[in-house]
PDB file of N, CA and C in Angstrom:
ATOM      1  N   UNK A   1     -24.114 -10.595  29.106  1.00  0.00           N
ATOM      2  CA  UNK A   1     -22.985 -10.447  28.359  1.00  0.00           C
ATOM      3  C   UNK A   1     -23.216 -10.529  26.848  1.00  0.00           C
ATOM      4  N   UNK A   2     -24.649 -11.725  26.569  1.00  0.00           N
ATOM      5  CA  UNK A   2     -25.103 -11.796  25.085  1.00  0.00           C
ATOM      6  C   UNK A   2     -25.289 -10.406  24.683  1.00  0.00           C
ATOM      7  N   UNK A   3     -25.814  -9.339  25.671  1.00  0.00           N
ATOM      8  CA  UNK A   3     -26.335  -8.230  24.621  1.00  0.00           C
ATOM      9  C   UNK A   3     -25.482  -7.391  24.610  1.00  0.00           C
ATOM     10  N   UNK A   4     -24.124  -7.315  25.147  1.00  0.00           N
ATOM     11  CA  UNK A   4     -23.043  -6.372  25.078  1.00  0.00           C
ATOM     12  C   UNK A   4     -22.386  -6.805  24.095  1.00  0.00           C
ATOM     13  N   UNK A   5     -22.345  -8.238  23.701  1.00  0.00           N
ATOM     14  CA  UNK A   5     -21.083  -8.529  22.129  1.00  0.00           C
ATOM     15  C   UNK A   5     -21.946  -8.164  21.565  1.00  0.00           C
ATOM     16  N   UNK A   6     -23.812  -8.419  21.343  1.00  0.00           N
ATOM     17  CA  UNK A   6     -24.362  -8.272  19.920  1.00  0.00           C
ATOM     18  C   UNK A   6     -24.014  -6.830  19.706  1.00  0.00           C
ATOM     19  N   UNK A   7     -24.558  -6.127  20.883  1.00  0.00           N
ATOM     20  CA  UNK A   7     -24.651  -4.364  20.543  1.00  0.00           C
ATOM     21  C   UNK A   7     -23.155  -3.739  19.862  1.00  0.00           C
ATOM     22  N   UNK A   8     -21.817  -4.641  20.351  1.00  0.00           N
ATOM     23  CA  UNK A   8     -20.656  -3.984  20.446  1.00  0.00           C
ATOM     24  C   UNK A   8     -20.051  -3.915  18.951  1.00  0.00           C
ATOM     25  N   UNK A   9     -20.713  -5.839  19.130  1.00  0.00           N
ATOM     26  CA  UNK A   9     -19.605  -6.420  17.748  1.00  0.00           C
ATOM     27  C   UNK A   9     -20.689  -7.160  17.126  1.00  0.00           C
ATOM     28  N   UNK A  10     -21.798  -6.978  17.085  1.00  0.00           N
ATOM     29  CA  UNK A  10     -22.562  -7.938  16.419  1.00  0.00           C
ATOM     30  C   UNK A  10     -22.886  -8.956  16.104  1.00  0.00           C
ATOM     31  N   UNK A  11     -22.305  -9.599  17.486  1.00  0.00           N
ATOM     32  CA  UNK A  11     -22.206 -11.325  17.016  1.00  0.00           C
ATOM     33  C   UNK A  11     -23.113 -11.642  18.260  1.00  0.00           C
ATOM     34  N   UNK A  12     -23.858 -12.710  17.679  1.00  0.00           N
ATOM     35  CA  UNK A  12     -25.114 -13.385  18.227  1.00  0.00           C
ATOM     36  C   UNK A  12     -24.561 -14.617  18.771  1.00  0.00           C
ATOM     37  N   UNK A  13     -24.850 -14.881  20.190  1.00  0.00           N
ATOM     38  CA  UNK A  13     -23.993 -15.976  20.373  1.00  0.00           C
ATOM     39  C   UNK A  13     -24.636 -17.649  21.064  1.00  0.00           C
ATOM     40  N   UNK A  14     -24.445 -18.214  21.260  1.00  0.00           N
ATOM     41  CA  UNK A  14     -24.952 -19.776  21.527  1.00  0.00           C
ATOM     42  C   UNK A  14     -23.896 -20.529  22.214  1.00  0.00           C
ATOM     43  N   UNK A  15     -24.668 -21.894  22.847  1.00  0.00           N
ATOM     44  CA  UNK A  15     -23.405 -22.052  23.930  1.00  0.00           C
ATOM     45  C   UNK A  15     -22.176 -21.877  24.492  1.00  0.00           C
ATOM     46  N   UNK A  16     -22.844 -20.935  25.276  1.00  0.00           N
ATOM     47  CA  UNK A  16     -21.810 -19.837  26.105  1.00  0.00           C
ATOM     48  C   UNK A  16     -21.503 -20.870  27.288  1.00  0.00           C
ATOM     49  N   UNK A  17     -20.255 -20.844  27.556  1.00  0.00           N
ATOM     50  CA  UNK A  17     -19.495 -21.748  28.667  1.00  0.00           C
ATOM     51  C   UNK A  17     -18.253 -21.190  29.163  1.00  0.00           C
ATOM     52  N   UNK A  18     -18.427 -20.876  30.675  1.00  0.00           N
ATOM     53  CA  UNK A  18     -17.530 -20.734  31.379  1.00  0.00           C
ATOM     54  C   UNK A  18     -16.189 -20.725  31.673  1.00  0.00           C
ATOM     55  N   UNK A  19     -14.990 -20.350  31.177  1.00  0.00           N
ATOM     56  CA  UNK A  19     -13.549 -20.861  30.532  1.00  0.00           C
ATOM     57  C   UNK A  19     -12.833 -20.461  32.308  1.00  0.00           C
ATOM     58  N   UNK A  20     -12.609 -19.390  32.672  1.00  0.00           N
ATOM     59  CA  UNK A  20     -11.788 -19.089  34.041  1.00  0.00           C
ATOM     60  C   UNK A  20     -12.320 -17.496  34.194  1.00  0.00           C
ATOM     61  N   UNK A  21     -11.149 -17.058  35.329  1.00  0.00           N
ATOM     62  CA  UNK A  21     -11.684 -15.562  35.764  1.00  0.00           C
ATOM     63  C   UNK A  21      -9.577 -15.216  35.836  1.00  0.00           C
ATOM     64  N   UNK A  22      -9.574 -13.982  36.192  1.00  0.00           N
ATOM     65  CA  UNK A  22      -8.183 -13.322  36.492  1.00  0.00           C
ATOM     66  C   UNK A  22      -8.664 -11.925  37.192  1.00  0.00           C
ATOM     67  N   UNK A  23      -7.998 -11.857  38.206  1.00  0.00           N
ATOM     68  CA  UNK A  23      -7.870 -10.326  38.607  1.00  0.00           C
ATOM     69  C   UNK A  23      -7.496  -9.176  37.534  1.00  0.00           C
ATOM     70  N   UNK A  24      -8.355  -7.966  37.412  1.00  0.00           N
ATOM     71  CA  UNK A  24      -7.970  -7.069  36.553  1.00  0.00           C
ATOM     72  C   UNK A  24      -7.619  -5.898  37.251  1.00  0.00           C
ATOM     73  N   UNK A  25      -6.599  -5.260  36.509  1.00  0.00           N
ATOM     74  CA  UNK A  25      -5.988  -4.118  37.660  1.00  0.00           C
ATOM     75  C   UNK A  25      -6.901  -2.933  37.712  1.00  0.00           C
ATOM     76  N   UNK A  26      -8.096  -2.756  37.756  1.00  0.00           N
ATOM     77  CA  UNK A  26      -8.700  -1.703  38.571  1.00  0.00           C
ATOM     78  C   UNK A  26      -9.553  -2.718  40.019  1.00  0.00           C
ATOM     79  N   UNK A  27      -9.597  -1.642  41.388  1.00  0.00           N
ATOM     80  CA  UNK A  27      -9.875  -1.880  42.318  1.00  0.00           C
ATOM     81  C   UNK A  27     -11.343  -2.750  42.109  1.00  0.00           C
ATOM     82  N   UNK A  28     -10.985  -3.575  43.282  1.00  0.00           N
ATOM     83  CA  UNK A  28     -12.444  -5.138  43.218  1.00  0.00           C
ATOM     84  C   UNK A  28     -12.588  -5.391  41.835  1.00  0.00           C
ATOM     85  N   UNK A  29     -12.336  -5.509  40.923  1.00  0.00           N
ATOM     86  CA  UNK A  29     -12.234  -5.897  39.259  1.00  0.00           C
ATOM     87  C   UNK A  29     -12.085  -7.006  38.942  1.00  0.00           C
ATOM     88  N   UNK A  30     -12.967  -7.870  37.999  1.00  0.00           N
ATOM     89  CA  UNK A  30     -12.534  -9.147  37.664  1.00  0.00           C
ATOM     90  C   UNK A  30     -12.501  -9.429  36.506  1.00  0.00           C
ATOM     91  N   UNK A  31     -11.624 -10.164  35.571  1.00  0.00           N
ATOM     92  CA  UNK A  31     -11.851 -10.367  34.167  1.00  0.00           C
ATOM     93  C   UNK A  31     -12.361 -11.492  34.273  1.00  0.00           C
ATOM     94  N   UNK A  32     -13.259 -11.833  33.402  1.00  0.00           N
ATOM     95  CA  UNK A  32     -13.886 -13.608  32.733  1.00  0.00           C
ATOM     96  C   UNK A  32     -13.886 -13.631  31.775  1.00  0.00           C
ATOM     97  N   UNK A  33     -13.563 -15.099  31.352  1.00  0.00           N
ATOM     98  CA  UNK A  33     -13.293 -15.576  30.125  1.00  0.00           C
ATOM     99  C   UNK A  33     -14.356 -16.690  29.444  1.00  0.00           C
ATOM    100  N   UNK A  34     -15.548 -16.622  28.978  1.00  0.00           N
ATOM    101  CA  UNK A  34     -15.748 -17.332  28.287  1.00  0.00           C
ATOM    102  C   UNK A  34     -15.581 -18.340  26.765  1.00  0.00           C
ATOM    103  N   UNK A  35     -16.081 -19.468  26.840  1.00  0.00           N
ATOM    104  CA  UNK A  35     -15.893 -19.943  25.070  1.00  0.00           C
ATOM    105  C   UNK A  35     -17.268 -19.656  24.588  1.00  0.00           C
ATOM    106  N   UNK A  36     -17.677 -19.326  23.631  1.00  0.00           N
ATOM    107  CA  UNK A  36     -18.903 -19.327  22.715  1.00  0.00           C
ATOM    108  C   UNK A  36     -19.102 -19.302  21.674  1.00  0.00           C
ATOM    109  N   UNK A  37     -19.734 -19.670  20.980  1.00  0.00           N
ATOM    110  CA  UNK A  37     -20.295 -20.414  19.263  1.00  0.00           C
ATOM    111  C   UNK A  37     -21.113 -18.828  18.952  1.00  0.00           C
ATOM    112  N   UNK A  38     -20.561 -18.472  17.869  1.00  0.00           N
ATOM    113  CA  UNK A  38     -21.161 -17.622  17.112  1.00  0.00           C
ATOM    114  C   UNK A  38     -21.959 -17.675  16.092  1.00  0.00           C
ATOM    115  N   UNK A  39     -23.590 -17.676  16.355  1.00  0.00           N
ATOM    116  CA  UNK A  39     -24.824 -18.188  15.471  1.00  0.00           C
ATOM    117  C   UNK A  39     -24.703 -17.769  14.152  1.00  0.00           C
ATOM    118  N   UNK A  40     -24.077 -16.282  13.672  1.00  0.00           N
ATOM    119  CA  UNK A  40     -24.073 -16.447  12.449  1.00  0.00           C
ATOM    120  C   UNK A  40     -22.913 -15.636  12.205  1.00  0.00           C
ATOM    121  N   UNK A  41     -21.665 -15.846  11.705  1.00  0.00           N
ATOM    122  CA  UNK A  41     -20.665 -14.986  11.393  1.00  0.00           C
ATOM    123  C   UNK A  41     -20.957 -13.990  10.541  1.00  0.00           C
ATOM    124  N   UNK A  42     -21.978 -13.790   9.755  1.00  0.00           N
ATOM    125  CA  UNK A  42     -21.521 -12.744   8.572  1.00  0.00           C
ATOM    126  C   UNK A  42     -22.423 -11.573   9.056  1.00  0.00           C
ATOM    127  N   UNK A  43     -23.371 -11.702  10.347  1.00  0.00           N
ATOM    128  CA  UNK A  43     -23.554 -10.510  11.447  1.00  0.00           C
ATOM    129  C   UNK A  43     -22.461  -9.588  11.733  1.00  0.00           C
ATOM    130  N   UNK A  44     -21.570 -10.044  12.232  1.00  0.00           N
ATOM    131  CA  UNK A  44     -20.786  -9.373  12.793  1.00  0.00           C
ATOM    132  C   UNK A  44     -20.091  -8.058  12.076  1.00  0.00           C
ATOM    133  N   UNK A  45     -20.261  -7.221  13.106  1.00  0.00           N
ATOM    134  CA  UNK A  45     -19.483  -5.776  12.678  1.00  0.00           C
ATOM    135  C   UNK A  45     -19.145  -4.676  14.204  1.00  0.00           C
ATOM    136  N   UNK A  46     -18.413  -4.181  13.760  1.00  0.00           N
ATOM    137  CA  UNK A  46     -18.108  -2.951  15.103  1.00  0.00           C
ATOM    138  C   UNK A  46     -19.008  -2.034  15.202  1.00  0.00           C
ATOM    139  N   UNK A  47     -19.186  -1.747  16.428  1.00  0.00           N
ATOM    140  CA  UNK A  47     -19.749  -0.535  16.947  1.00  0.00           C
ATOM    141  C   UNK A  47     -19.352   1.100  16.161  1.00  0.00           C
ATOM    142  N   UNK A  48     -18.185   0.737  16.407  1.00  0.00           N
ATOM    143  CA  UNK A  48     -17.209   2.097  15.867  1.00  0.00           C
ATOM    144  C   UNK A  48     -16.649   3.038  16.890  1.00  0.00           C
ATOM    145  N   UNK A  49     -17.239   2.667  18.032  1.00  0.00           N
ATOM    146  CA  UNK A  49     -16.815   3.654  19.491  1.00  0.00           C
ATOM    147  C   UNK A  49     -16.277   2.161  20.203  1.00  0.00           C
ATOM    148  N   UNK A  50     -16.808   1.276  20.962  1.00  0.00           N
ATOM    149  CA  UNK A  50     -15.962   0.578  21.446  1.00  0.00           C
ATOM    150  C   UNK A  50     -15.241  -0.309  21.149  1.00  0.00           C
ATOM    151  N   UNK A  51     -16.145  -1.190  20.024  1.00  0.00           N
ATOM    152  CA  UNK A  51     -15.118  -2.136  18.735  1.00  0.00           C
ATOM    153  C   UNK A  51     -15.520  -1.334  17.821  1.00  0.00           C
ATOM    154  N   UNK A  52     -13.741  -1.334  17.219  1.00  0.00           N
ATOM    155  CA  UNK A  52     -13.488  -0.958  16.014  1.00  0.00           C
ATOM    156  C   UNK A  52     -13.643  -1.863  15.048  1.00  0.00           C
ATOM    157  N   UNK A  53     -12.862  -2.915  14.949  1.00  0.00           N
ATOM    158  CA  UNK A  53     -12.584  -3.738  14.022  1.00  0.00           C
ATOM    159  C   UNK A  53     -13.313  -5.443  14.700  1.00  0.00           C
ATOM    160  N   UNK A  54     -13.700  -6.528  14.002  1.00  0.00           N
ATOM    161  CA  UNK A  54     -14.324  -7.768  14.295  1.00  0.00           C
ATOM    162  C   UNK A  54     -13.328  -8.173  13.409  1.00  0.00           C
ATOM    163  N   UNK A  55     -12.773  -9.095  13.664  1.00  0.00           N
ATOM    164  CA  UNK A  55     -12.592 -10.379  12.611  1.00  0.00           C
ATOM    165  C   UNK A  55     -12.580 -12.115  13.236  1.00  0.00           C
ATOM    166  N   UNK A  56     -12.653 -12.356  12.247  1.00  0.00           N
ATOM    167  CA  UNK A  56     -12.406 -14.415  12.515  1.00  0.00           C
ATOM    168  C   UNK A  56     -10.990 -14.010  12.352  1.00  0.00           C
ATOM    169  N   UNK A  57     -10.319 -15.487  13.137  1.00  0.00           N
ATOM    170  CA  UNK A  57      -9.167 -15.965  12.828  1.00  0.00           C
ATOM    171  C   UNK A  57      -9.292 -17.479  12.394  1.00  0.00           C
ATOM    172  N   UNK A  58      -8.543 -18.324  11.602  1.00  0.00           N
ATOM    173  CA  UNK A  58      -8.362 -19.795  11.474  1.00  0.00           C
ATOM    174  C   UNK A  58      -7.391 -20.010  12.178  1.00  0.00           C
ATOM    175  N   UNK A  59      -7.441 -21.234  12.610  1.00  0.00           N
ATOM    176  CA  UNK A  59      -6.451 -22.108  13.359  1.00  0.00           C
ATOM    177  C   UNK A  59      -5.037 -22.000  13.094  1.00  0.00           C
ATOM    178  N   UNK A  60      -4.785 -22.003  11.574  1.00  0.00           N
ATOM    179  CA  UNK A  60      -3.661 -22.091  10.902  1.00  0.00           C
ATOM    180  C   UNK A  60      -2.892 -20.214  11.618  1.00  0.00           C
ATOM    181  N   UNK A  61      -3.984 -19.367  11.129  1.00  0.00           N
ATOM    182  CA  UNK A  61      -3.449 -18.008  11.723  1.00  0.00           C
ATOM    183  C   UNK A  61      -3.115 -17.523  13.082  1.00  0.00           C
ATOM    184  N   UNK A  62      -3.483 -18.338  13.811  1.00  0.00           N
ATOM    185  CA  UNK A  62      -3.641 -18.162  15.515  1.00  0.00           C
ATOM    186  C   UNK A  62      -2.174 -19.123  15.712  1.00  0.00           C
ATOM    187  N   UNK A  63      -2.257 -20.534  15.114  1.00  0.00           N
ATOM    188  CA  UNK A  63      -0.842 -21.170  15.511  1.00  0.00           C
ATOM    189  C   UNK A  63       0.545 -20.310  15.145  1.00  0.00           C
ATOM    190  N   UNK A  64       0.440 -19.603  13.965  1.00  0.00           N
ATOM    191  CA  UNK A  64       1.406 -19.166  13.174  1.00  0.00           C
ATOM    192  C   UNK A  64       1.748 -17.939  14.125  1.00  0.00           C
ATOM    193  N   UNK A  65       0.637 -17.204  14.818  1.00  0.00           N
ATOM    194  CA  UNK A  65       0.620 -16.189  15.619  1.00  0.00           C
ATOM    195  C   UNK A  65       1.286 -16.559  16.664  1.00  0.00           C
ATOM    196  N   UNK A  66       0.884 -17.583  17.346  1.00  0.00           N
ATOM    197  CA  UNK A  66       1.648 -18.064  18.668  1.00  0.00           C
ATOM    198  C   UNK A  66       3.343 -18.584  18.597  1.00  0.00           C
ATOM    199  N   UNK A  67       3.684 -18.565  17.115  1.00  0.00           N
ATOM    200  CA  UNK A  67       5.097 -19.487  16.894  1.00  0.00           C
ATOM    201  C   UNK A  67       5.699 -17.685  16.741  1.00  0.00           C
ATOM    202  N   UNK A  68       5.129 -16.961  16.664  1.00  0.00           N
ATOM    203  CA  UNK A  68       5.685 -15.784  16.610  1.00  0.00           C
ATOM    204  C   UNK A  68       6.320 -15.170  14.934  1.00  0.00           C
ATOM    205  N   UNK A  69       5.397 -16.230  14.306  1.00  0.00           N
ATOM    206  CA  UNK A  69       5.478 -16.210  12.650  1.00  0.00           C
ATOM    207  C   UNK A  69       4.562 -15.138  11.553  1.00  0.00           C
ATOM    208  N   UNK A  70       3.063 -14.969  12.551  1.00  0.00           N
ATOM    209  CA  UNK A  70       1.927 -14.392  11.960  1.00  0.00           C
ATOM    210  C   UNK A  70       1.869 -13.124  11.901  1.00  0.00           C
ATOM    211  N   UNK A  71       1.087 -12.549  11.406  1.00  0.00           N
ATOM    212  CA  UNK A  71       0.549 -10.861  11.754  1.00  0.00           C
ATOM    213  C   UNK A  71      -0.232 -10.811  12.192  1.00  0.00           C
ATOM    214  N   UNK A  72      -0.936 -11.258  13.090  1.00  0.00           N
ATOM    215  CA  UNK A  72      -1.621 -11.362  14.297  1.00  0.00           C
ATOM    216  C   UNK A  72      -1.284 -11.029  15.423  1.00  0.00           C
ATOM    217  N   UNK A  73      -1.147  -9.872  16.409  1.00  0.00           N
ATOM    218  CA  UNK A  73      -0.682  -9.656  17.275  1.00  0.00           C
ATOM    219  C   UNK A  73      -1.483 -10.017  18.561  1.00  0.00           C
ATOM    220  N   UNK A  74      -0.932 -11.041  19.517  1.00  0.00           N
ATOM    221  CA  UNK A  74      -1.742 -11.965  20.781  1.00  0.00           C
ATOM    222  C   UNK A  74      -1.675 -11.244  21.759  1.00  0.00           C
ATOM    223  N   UNK A  75      -2.486 -10.936  22.416  1.00  0.00           N
ATOM    224  CA  UNK A  75      -2.009 -10.518  24.301  1.00  0.00           C
ATOM    225  C   UNK A  75      -1.241 -11.783  24.292  1.00  0.00           C
ATOM    226  N   UNK A  76      -0.648 -11.043  26.320  1.00  0.00           N
ATOM    227  CA  UNK A  76       1.034 -11.507  26.609  1.00  0.00           C
ATOM    228  C   UNK A  76      -0.310 -13.010  27.542  1.00  0.00           C
ATOM    229  N   UNK A  77       1.364 -14.198  27.403  1.00  0.00           N
ATOM    230  CA  UNK A  77       0.831 -15.183  28.099  1.00  0.00           C
ATOM    231  C   UNK A  77       0.298 -15.107  29.229  1.00  0.00           C
ATOM    232  N   UNK A  78       0.047 -14.192  30.215  1.00  0.00           N
ATOM    233  CA  UNK A  78      -0.033 -14.483  31.649  1.00  0.00           C
ATOM    234  C   UNK A  78      -1.955 -13.838  31.402  1.00  0.00           C
ATOM    235  N   UNK A  79      -2.302 -13.768  30.012  1.00  0.00           N
ATOM    236  CA  UNK A  79      -3.648 -13.091  30.518  1.00  0.00           C
ATOM    237  C   UNK A  79      -4.346 -14.281  30.547  1.00  0.00           C
ATOM    238  N   UNK A  80      -6.257 -13.857  30.489  1.00  0.00           N
ATOM    239  CA  UNK A  80      -6.874 -15.593  30.295  1.00  0.00           C
ATOM    240  C   UNK A  80      -7.337 -14.803  29.003  1.00  0.00           C
ATOM    241  N   UNK A  81      -7.360 -13.648  28.125  1.00  0.00           N
ATOM    242  CA  UNK A  81      -7.293 -13.763  26.769  1.00  0.00           C
ATOM    243  C   UNK A  81      -6.396 -14.818  25.714  1.00  0.00           C
ATOM    244  N   UNK A  82      -5.171 -15.024  26.437  1.00  0.00           N
ATOM    245  CA  UNK A  82      -4.408 -15.889  26.137  1.00  0.00           C
ATOM    246  C   UNK A  82      -4.687 -17.243  25.831  1.00  0.00           C
ATOM    247  N   UNK A  83      -4.788 -17.653  27.176  1.00  0.00           N
ATOM    248  CA  UNK A  83      -5.223 -18.719  27.620  1.00  0.00           C
ATOM    249  C   UNK A  83      -6.525 -18.933  26.855  1.00  0.00           C
ATOM    250  N   UNK A  84      -7.168 -18.735  26.562  1.00  0.00           N
ATOM    251  CA  UNK A  84      -8.326 -18.733  25.637  1.00  0.00           C
ATOM    252  C   UNK A  84      -8.399 -19.059  24.480  1.00  0.00           C
ATOM    253  N   UNK A  85      -6.877 -18.233  23.740  1.00  0.00           N
ATOM    254  CA  UNK A  85      -6.673 -18.492  22.844  1.00  0.00           C
ATOM    255  C   UNK A  85      -6.622 -19.835  22.355  1.00  0.00           C
ATOM    256  N   UNK A  86      -5.275 -20.292  23.123  1.00  0.00           N
ATOM    257  CA  UNK A  86      -4.324 -21.196  23.048  1.00  0.00           C
ATOM    258  C   UNK A  86      -5.209 -22.601  23.498  1.00  0.00           C
ATOM    259  N   UNK A  87      -6.724 -22.559  23.948  1.00  0.00           N
ATOM    260  CA  UNK A  87      -7.079 -23.913  24.529  1.00  0.00           C
ATOM    261  C   UNK A  87      -8.004 -23.800  23.591  1.00  0.00           C
ATOM    262  N   UNK A  88      -8.629 -22.873  22.767  1.00  0.00           N
ATOM    263  CA  UNK A  88      -9.502 -22.860  21.344  1.00  0.00           C
ATOM    264  C   UNK A  88      -8.702 -23.876  20.316  1.00  0.00           C
ATOM    265  N   UNK A  89      -7.226 -23.436  20.158  1.00  0.00           N
ATOM    266  CA  UNK A  89      -6.519 -23.918  19.329  1.00  0.00           C
ATOM    267  C   UNK A  89      -6.298 -25.309  19.455  1.00  0.00           C
ATOM    268  N   UNK A  90      -5.905 -25.443  21.133  1.00  0.00           N
ATOM    269  CA  UNK A  90      -5.085 -26.530  21.180  1.00  0.00           C
ATOM    270  C   UNK A  90      -6.879 -27.857  21.137  1.00  0.00           C
ATOM    271  N   UNK A  91      -7.819 -27.688  21.481  1.00  0.00           N
ATOM    272  CA  UNK A  91      -9.203 -28.258  21.285  1.00  0.00           C
ATOM    273  C   UNK A  91     -10.033 -27.813  19.783  1.00  0.00           C
ATOM    274  N   UNK A  92      -9.456 -28.559  19.137  1.00  0.00           N
ATOM    275  CA  UNK A  92     -10.133 -28.510  17.453  1.00  0.00           C
ATOM    276  C   UNK A  92     -11.412 -28.997  17.546  1.00  0.00           C
ATOM    277  N   UNK A  93     -11.633 -30.021  18.626  1.00  0.00           N
ATOM    278  CA  UNK A  93     -13.130 -30.653  18.039  1.00  0.00           C
ATOM    279  C   UNK A  93     -13.879 -30.464  18.995  1.00  0.00           C
ATOM    280  N   UNK A  94     -13.591 -28.725  19.472  1.00  0.00           N
ATOM    281  CA  UNK A  94     -14.767 -27.946  20.495  1.00  0.00           C
ATOM    282  C   UNK A  94     -15.151 -27.977  21.543  1.00  0.00           C
ATOM    283  N   UNK A  95     -14.171 -29.007  21.864  1.00  0.00           N
ATOM    284  CA  UNK A  95     -14.404 -28.902  23.650  1.00  0.00           C
ATOM    285  C   UNK A  95     -13.028 -28.089  24.498  1.00  0.00           C
ATOM    286  N   UNK A  96     -13.569 -27.458  25.000  1.00  0.00           N
ATOM    287  CA  UNK A  96     -12.503 -26.353  25.734  1.00  0.00           C
ATOM    288  C   UNK A  96     -12.537 -26.888  27.225  1.00  0.00           C
ATOM    289  N   UNK A  97     -11.202 -27.194  27.785  1.00  0.00           N
ATOM    290  CA  UNK A  97     -10.554 -27.551  28.690  1.00  0.00           C
ATOM    291  C   UNK A  97     -10.842 -26.843  29.911  1.00  0.00           C
ATOM    292  N   UNK A  98     -11.036 -25.557  30.092  1.00  0.00           N
ATOM    293  CA  UNK A  98     -11.046 -24.525  30.796  1.00  0.00           C
ATOM    294  C   UNK A  98      -9.999 -24.591  31.653  1.00  0.00           C
ATOM    295  N   UNK A  99      -9.736 -23.316  32.312  1.00  0.00           N
ATOM    296  CA  UNK A  99      -8.578 -22.876  33.272  1.00  0.00           C
ATOM    297  C   UNK A  99      -8.526 -23.810  34.407  1.00  0.00           C
TER     298      UNK A  99
END
C-alpha cells in the first residue's frame, strides 16, 4: 500500500491504521480503508495515469461539502470512502473511531 500511494500520488505515509472494509462490485473483491499521515505534504503529485490530481482539503471545506454547500464532490454515503472522510472530520484530535 505504501509503495502504490507513493508511486501514484507522491505521498509518503506514516502511522497507517486500518479503518474498515466493504465489498467491491467485482467478483471476490474487497475495498479496504485506512487512515494515515502524510510525512511531507509538499511531495504530493499525481502520476498522470492512475491519479490525475492530488489535493489537500481543510476540515472547513469538507464540512461545507457534507452540508451540500461546498465545491468539493464527495463519495456517496454508503461508501467506505465517505465513512473515512466523515470519521476524519469528526475526530479533529487525530483519533479515528474505526468502522
